[in-house]
Amino acid sequence: MVPQEWLTETDVVDRDTGYTLEQLLYHEARLLDAERFRDWLGLLADDIHYWLPVRENRYRRDPRGVAPRRDDVALFDDDRNDLEDRVRRLETGLVWGEDPPGRIRRLITNVSAFEAGTPKARRVYSHFLVYRNRRQDEVAILAGARRDLWRDTSQGWQLAEREVLLDQHVVLDKNLYLFF
């Protein structure tokens, strides 16, 4: 279920901007699939907030609501330094969960872009499916949605916020040392 606050934007961007942002998400997925993590870091704003909350199954009548809140437990609650540390660690070759490296494919779909209420910023929503195969018999399929804030800067479009919602209540993968 997509949180209701994800549905509040109604001011759709123009076709050219929407196409540009959609292509940017596809480019980002290709960079990550190819393990070009330094190039991917180049797409991130210095003040990036990268958040993947643990989703709790709650009843609709729960006063906390069904959507994750900022004070909930998170699998990732990263800033730029955290993301750079994760990339540096991958570059050492000593991340046991990624040696041998997994074969990862990111599929991005249902991309929609909206004005973000501030000049040169756009809110972009997308769905994803991540397929990962490790060793001979380890397969993980992760599905979910992302809510991004992209800024148009002098260096090009930069990702300033990413909220990732996994559809799985219990993640059965042995590790989540990947980027969405």
C-alpha atoms as a PDB file:
ATOM      1  CA  MET A   1       0.000   0.000   0.000  1.00  0.00           C
ATOM      2  CA  VAL A   2       1.317   3.409  -0.965  1.00  0.00           C
ATOM      3  CA  PRO A   3       0.981   5.970   1.848  1.00  0.00           C
ATOM      4  CA  GLN A   4      -1.723   8.584   1.302  1.00  0.00           C
ATOM      5  CA  GLU A   5       0.798  11.433   1.593  1.00  0.00           C
ATOM      6  CA  TRP A   6       2.469  10.051  -1.525  1.00  0.00           C
ATOM      7  CA  LEU A   7      -0.703  10.873  -3.444  1.00  0.00           C
ATOM      8  CA  THR A   8      -0.982  14.550  -2.532  1.00  0.00           C
ATOM      9  CA  GLU A   9       0.986  15.962  -5.453  1.00  0.00           C
ATOM     10  CA  THR A  10      -1.208  16.833  -8.405  1.00  0.00           C
ATOM     11  CA  ASP A  11       0.866  19.344 -10.369  1.00  0.00           C
ATOM     12  CA  VAL A  12       2.384  17.065 -13.015  1.00  0.00           C
ATOM     13  CA  VAL A  13       5.585  18.290 -14.654  1.00  0.00           C
ATOM     14  CA  ASP A  14       5.721  19.029 -18.366  1.00  0.00           C
ATOM     15  CA  ARG A  15       6.341  16.144 -20.758  1.00  0.00           C
ATOM     16  CA  ASP A  16      10.006  17.000 -21.458  1.00  0.00           C
ATOM     17  CA  THR A  17      10.903  17.246 -17.779  1.00  0.00           C
ATOM     18  CA  GLY A  18       9.017  14.043 -17.011  1.00  0.00           C
ATOM     19  CA  TYR A  19      10.846  12.225 -19.801  1.00  0.00           C
ATOM     20  CA  THR A  20      14.209  13.548 -18.596  1.00  0.00           C
ATOM     21  CA  LEU A  21      13.567  12.382 -15.032  1.00  0.00           C
ATOM     22  CA  GLU A  22      12.312   8.990 -16.193  1.00  0.00           C
ATOM     23  CA  GLN A  23      15.451   8.489 -18.290  1.00  0.00           C
ATOM     24  CA  LEU A  24      17.544   9.588 -15.317  1.00  0.00           C
ATOM     25  CA  LEU A  25      16.022   6.812 -13.176  1.00  0.00           C
ATOM     26  CA  TYR A  26      16.798   4.262 -15.903  1.00  0.00           C
ATOM     27  CA  HIS A  27      20.367   5.590 -16.136  1.00  0.00           C
ATOM     28  CA  GLU A  28      20.725   5.343 -12.358  1.00  0.00           C
ATOM     29  CA  ALA A  29      19.550   1.703 -12.439  1.00  0.00           C
ATOM     30  CA  ARG A  30      22.092   0.885 -15.158  1.00  0.00           C
ATOM     31  CA  LEU A  31      24.902   2.471 -13.126  1.00  0.00           C
ATOM     32  CA  LEU A  32      23.972   0.421 -10.077  1.00  0.00           C
ATOM     33  CA  ASP A  33      23.535  -2.808 -12.068  1.00  0.00           C
ATOM     34  CA  ALA A  34      27.034  -2.282 -13.515  1.00  0.00           C
ATOM     35  CA  GLU A  35      28.439  -1.555 -10.026  1.00  0.00           C
ATOM     36  CA  ARG A  36      29.526   1.923 -11.098  1.00  0.00           C
ATOM     37  CA  PHE A  37      28.969   3.166  -7.574  1.00  0.00           C
ATOM     38  CA  ARG A  38      31.265   6.210  -7.829  1.00  0.00           C
ATOM     39  CA  ASP A  39      29.321   7.425 -10.854  1.00  0.00           C
ATOM     40  CA  TRP A  40      26.091   6.818  -8.900  1.00  0.00           C
ATOM     41  CA  LEU A  41      27.417   8.904  -5.990  1.00  0.00           C
ATOM     42  CA  GLY A  42      27.869  11.705  -8.535  1.00  0.00           C
ATOM     43  CA  LEU A  43      24.071  11.821  -8.905  1.00  0.00           C
ATOM     44  CA  LEU A  44      23.563  12.485  -5.189  1.00  0.00           C
ATOM     45  CA  ALA A  45      23.215  15.876  -3.534  1.00  0.00           C
ATOM     46  CA  ASP A  46      25.524  16.660  -0.628  1.00  0.00           C
ATOM     47  CA  ASP A  47      22.507  16.747   1.713  1.00  0.00           C
ATOM     48  CA  ILE A  48      20.989  13.440   0.491  1.00  0.00           C
ATOM     49  CA  HIS A  49      18.670  11.571   2.837  1.00  0.00           C
ATOM     50  CA  TYR A  50      18.303   7.902   1.861  1.00  0.00           C
ATOM     51  CA  TRP A  51      15.680   6.145   3.959  1.00  0.00           C
ATOM     52  CA  LEU A  52      14.296   2.604   3.959  1.00  0.00           C
ATOM     53  CA  PRO A  53      11.971   2.199   6.952  1.00  0.00           C
ATOM     54  CA  VAL A  54      10.906  -1.114   8.417  1.00  0.00           C
ATOM     55  CA  ARG A  55       7.228  -1.414   7.603  1.00  0.00           C
ATOM     56  CA  GLU A  56       5.052  -2.648  10.392  1.00  0.00           C
ATOM     57  CA  ASN A  57       1.739  -4.285   9.574  1.00  0.00           C
ATOM     58  CA  ARG A  58      -0.827  -2.142  11.342  1.00  0.00           C
ATOM     59  CA  TYR A  59      -4.581  -2.177  11.381  1.00  0.00           C
ATOM     60  CA  ARG A  60      -6.269   0.668   9.542  1.00  0.00           C
ATOM     61  CA  ARG A  61      -7.784   1.875  12.816  1.00  0.00           C
ATOM     62  CA  ASP A  62      -4.319   2.171  14.444  1.00  0.00           C
ATOM     63  CA  PRO A  63      -3.873   5.856  15.420  1.00  0.00           C
ATOM     64  CA  ARG A  64      -0.311   5.757  14.057  1.00  0.00           C
ATOM     65  CA  GLY A  65      -1.692   4.994  10.582  1.00  0.00           C
ATOM     66  CA  VAL A  66      -0.379   2.406   8.176  1.00  0.00           C
ATOM     67  CA  ALA A  67       2.403   4.523   6.643  1.00  0.00           C
ATOM     68  CA  PRO A  68       5.916   4.557   8.125  1.00  0.00           C
ATOM     69  CA  ARG A  69       6.869   7.556  10.221  1.00  0.00           C
ATOM     70  CA  ARG A  70      10.265   9.247  10.488  1.00  0.00           C
ATOM     71  CA  ASP A  71      10.750   7.950  14.035  1.00  0.00           C
ATOM     72  CA  ASP A  72      10.165   4.309  13.001  1.00  0.00           C
ATOM     73  CA  VAL A  73      13.028   1.840  12.831  1.00  0.00           C
ATOM     74  CA  ALA A  74      14.805   1.891   9.476  1.00  0.00           C
ATOM     75  CA  LEU A  75      17.015  -0.527   7.567  1.00  0.00           C
ATOM     76  CA  PHE A  76      18.726   2.490   5.993  1.00  0.00           C
ATOM     77  CA  ASP A  77      18.665   6.028   7.323  1.00  0.00           C
ATOM     78  CA  ASP A  78      21.688   7.315   5.471  1.00  0.00           C
ATOM     79  CA  ASP A  79      23.246  10.630   4.597  1.00  0.00           C
ATOM     80  CA  ARG A  80      25.971  11.230   2.015  1.00  0.00           C
ATOM     81  CA  ASN A  81      28.767  10.115   4.348  1.00  0.00           C
ATOM     82  CA  ASP A  82      26.967   6.847   5.094  1.00  0.00           C
ATOM     83  CA  LEU A  83      26.457   6.124   1.395  1.00  0.00           C
ATOM     84  CA  GLU A  84      30.088   6.963   0.594  1.00  0.00           C
ATOM     85  CA  ASP A  85      31.194   4.636   3.417  1.00  0.00           C
ATOM     86  CA  ARG A  86      29.091   1.823   1.974  1.00  0.00           C
ATOM     87  CA  VAL A  87      30.627   2.364  -1.475  1.00  0.00           C
ATOM     88  CA  ARG A  88      34.168   2.503  -0.012  1.00  0.00           C
ATOM     89  CA  ARG A  89      33.500  -0.753   1.803  1.00  0.00           C
ATOM     90  CA  LEU A  90      32.280  -2.410  -1.411  1.00  0.00           C
ATOM     91  CA  GLU A  91      35.457  -1.227  -3.160  1.00  0.00           C
ATOM     92  CA  THR A  92      37.628  -3.084  -0.628  1.00  0.00           C
ATOM     93  CA  GLY A  93      36.315  -6.434  -1.859  1.00  0.00           C
ATOM     94  CA  LEU A  94      35.874  -7.504   1.755  1.00  0.00           C
ATOM     95  CA  VAL A  95      32.072  -7.359   1.972  1.00  0.00           C
ATOM     96  CA  TRP A  96      31.396 -11.069   2.535  1.00  0.00           C
ATOM     97  CA  GLY A  97      27.798 -10.799   1.373  1.00  0.00           C
ATOM     98  CA  GLU A  98      28.957  -9.510  -2.020  1.00  0.00           C
ATOM     99  CA  ASP A  99      31.853 -11.881  -2.697  1.00  0.00           C
ATOM    100  CA  PRO A 100      31.354 -13.440  -5.100  1.00  0.00           C
ATOM    101  CA  PRO A 101      29.305 -10.529  -6.364  1.00  0.00           C
ATOM    102  CA  GLY A 102      25.624 -11.029  -6.933  1.00  0.00           C
ATOM    103  CA  ARG A 103      23.987 -10.664 -10.299  1.00  0.00           C
ATOM    104  CA  ILE A 104      21.577  -7.824  -9.765  1.00  0.00           C
ATOM    105  CA  ARG A 105      18.980  -6.396 -12.118  1.00  0.00           C
ATOM    106  CA  ARG A 106      16.856  -3.372 -11.239  1.00  0.00           C
ATOM    107  CA  LEU A 107      13.614  -2.845 -13.123  1.00  0.00           C
ATOM    108  CA  ILE A 108      12.092   0.621 -12.776  1.00  0.00           C
ATOM    109  CA  THR A 109       8.493   1.340 -13.765  1.00  0.00           C
ATOM    110  CA  ASN A 110       5.414   3.495 -13.063  1.00  0.00           C
ATOM    111  CA  VAL A 111       7.487   6.670 -13.041  1.00  0.00           C
ATOM    112  CA  SER A 112       5.578   9.889 -12.400  1.00  0.00           C
ATOM    113  CA  ALA A 113       6.963  13.347 -11.684  1.00  0.00           C
ATOM    114  CA  PHE A 114       5.414  16.376 -10.002  1.00  0.00           C
ATOM    115  CA  GLU A 115       6.310  19.909  -9.083  1.00  0.00           C
ATOM    116  CA  ALA A 116       7.790  19.887  -5.584  1.00  0.00           C
ATOM    117  CA  GLY A 117       6.707  23.330  -4.421  1.00  0.00           C
ATOM    118  CA  THR A 118      10.213  24.787  -4.665  1.00  0.00           C
ATOM    119  CA  PRO A 119      11.940  26.058  -7.803  1.00  0.00           C
ATOM    120  CA  LYS A 120      14.130  23.543  -9.637  1.00  0.00           C
ATOM    121  CA  ALA A 121      12.985  20.592  -7.503  1.00  0.00           C
ATOM    122  CA  ARG A 122      10.742  17.746  -8.595  1.00  0.00           C
ATOM    123  CA  ARG A 123       9.103  14.906  -6.700  1.00  0.00           C
ATOM    124  CA  VAL A 124       9.473  11.602  -8.574  1.00  0.00           C
ATOM    125  CA  TYR A 125       7.668   8.382  -7.752  1.00  0.00           C
ATOM    126  CA  SER A 126       8.581   4.987  -9.145  1.00  0.00           C
ATOM    127  CA  HIS A 127       8.096   1.293  -8.597  1.00  0.00           C
ATOM    128  CA  PHE A 128      10.959  -1.171  -8.694  1.00  0.00           C
ATOM    129  CA  LEU A 129      11.708  -4.841  -8.853  1.00  0.00           C
ATOM    130  CA  VAL A 130      15.203  -5.936  -7.848  1.00  0.00           C
ATOM    131  CA  TYR A 131      16.294  -9.434  -8.802  1.00  0.00           C
ATOM    132  CA  ARG A 132      19.476 -10.730  -7.184  1.00  0.00           C
ATOM    133  CA  ASN A 133      21.130 -14.098  -7.705  1.00  0.00           C
ATOM    134  CA  ARG A 134      24.159 -15.134  -5.663  1.00  0.00           C
ATOM    135  CA  ARG A 135      26.151 -18.323  -5.731  1.00  0.00           C
ATOM    136  CA  GLN A 136      24.155 -21.184  -7.241  1.00  0.00           C
ATOM    137  CA  ASP A 137      20.934 -21.173  -5.284  1.00  0.00           C
ATOM    138  CA  GLU A 138      20.474 -17.813  -3.564  1.00  0.00           C
ATOM    139  CA  VAL A 139      17.739 -15.776  -5.220  1.00  0.00           C
ATOM    140  CA  ALA A 140      16.046 -12.676  -3.873  1.00  0.00           C
ATOM    141  CA  ILE A 141      13.256 -10.698  -5.464  1.00  0.00           C
ATOM    142  CA  LEU A 142      12.489  -7.372  -3.816  1.00  0.00           C
ATOM    143  CA  ALA A 143       9.558  -5.243  -4.931  1.00  0.00           C
ATOM    144  CA  GLY A 144       8.564  -1.809  -3.762  1.00  0.00           C
ATOM    145  CA  ALA A 145       8.125   1.879  -4.412  1.00  0.00           C
ATOM    146  CA  ARG A 146      10.340   4.941  -4.159  1.00  0.00           C
ATOM    147  CA  ARG A 147       9.570   8.563  -3.462  1.00  0.00           C
ATOM    148  CA  ASP A 148      12.403  10.846  -4.546  1.00  0.00           C
ATOM    149  CA  LEU A 149      13.210  14.518  -4.530  1.00  0.00           C
ATOM    150  CA  TRP A 150      15.428  15.524  -7.457  1.00  0.00           C
ATOM    151  CA  ARG A 151      16.976  18.993  -7.801  1.00  0.00           C
ATOM    152  CA  ASP A 152      18.057  20.654 -11.038  1.00  0.00           C
ATOM    153  CA  THR A 153      21.496  22.096 -10.221  1.00  0.00           C
ATOM    154  CA  SER A 154      24.411  23.541 -12.162  1.00  0.00           C
ATOM    155  CA  GLN A 155      25.907  20.006 -12.055  1.00  0.00           C
ATOM    156  CA  GLY A 156      22.711  18.486 -13.468  1.00  0.00           C
ATOM    157  CA  TRP A 157      19.897  16.668 -11.700  1.00  0.00           C
ATOM    158  CA  GLN A 158      20.815  15.480  -8.193  1.00  0.00           C
ATOM    159  CA  LEU A 159      18.958  13.136  -5.880  1.00  0.00           C
ATOM    160  CA  ALA A 160      18.286  14.932  -2.580  1.00  0.00           C
ATOM    161  CA  GLU A 161      15.856  12.497  -0.911  1.00  0.00           C
ATOM    162  CA  ARG A 162      14.882   8.889  -1.424  1.00  0.00           C
ATOM    163  CA  GLU A 163      12.298   7.013   0.613  1.00  0.00           C
ATOM    164  CA  VAL A 164      12.140   3.316  -0.254  1.00  0.00           C
ATOM    165  CA  LEU A 165       9.175   1.161   0.713  1.00  0.00           C
ATOM    166  CA  LEU A 166       9.618  -2.572   0.348  1.00  0.00           C
ATOM    167  CA  ASP A 167       6.445  -4.555  -0.171  1.00  0.00           C
ATOM    168  CA  GLN A 168       7.768  -7.484   1.849  1.00  0.00           C
ATOM    169  CA  HIS A 169       6.897  -7.411   5.519  1.00  0.00           C
ATOM    170  CA  VAL A 170       9.736  -9.811   6.283  1.00  0.00           C
ATOM    171  CA  VAL A 171      12.782  -9.547   4.042  1.00  0.00           C
ATOM    172  CA  LEU A 172      14.004 -13.086   3.435  1.00  0.00           C
ATOM    173  CA  ASP A 173      17.235 -12.053   1.733  1.00  0.00           C
ATOM    174  CA  LYS A 174      20.446 -12.839   3.621  1.00  0.00           C
ATOM    175  CA  ASN A 175      21.695  -9.273   3.273  1.00  0.00           C
ATOM    176  CA  LEU A 176      20.535  -5.956   1.914  1.00  0.00           C
ATOM    177  CA  TYR A 177      23.907  -4.576   0.962  1.00  0.00           C
ATOM    178  CA  LEU A 178      22.562  -2.941  -2.167  1.00  0.00           C
ATOM    179  CA  PHE A 179      21.119   0.331  -3.325  1.00  0.00           C
ATOM    180  CA  PHE A 180      17.542   0.828  -4.514  1.00  0.00           C
END
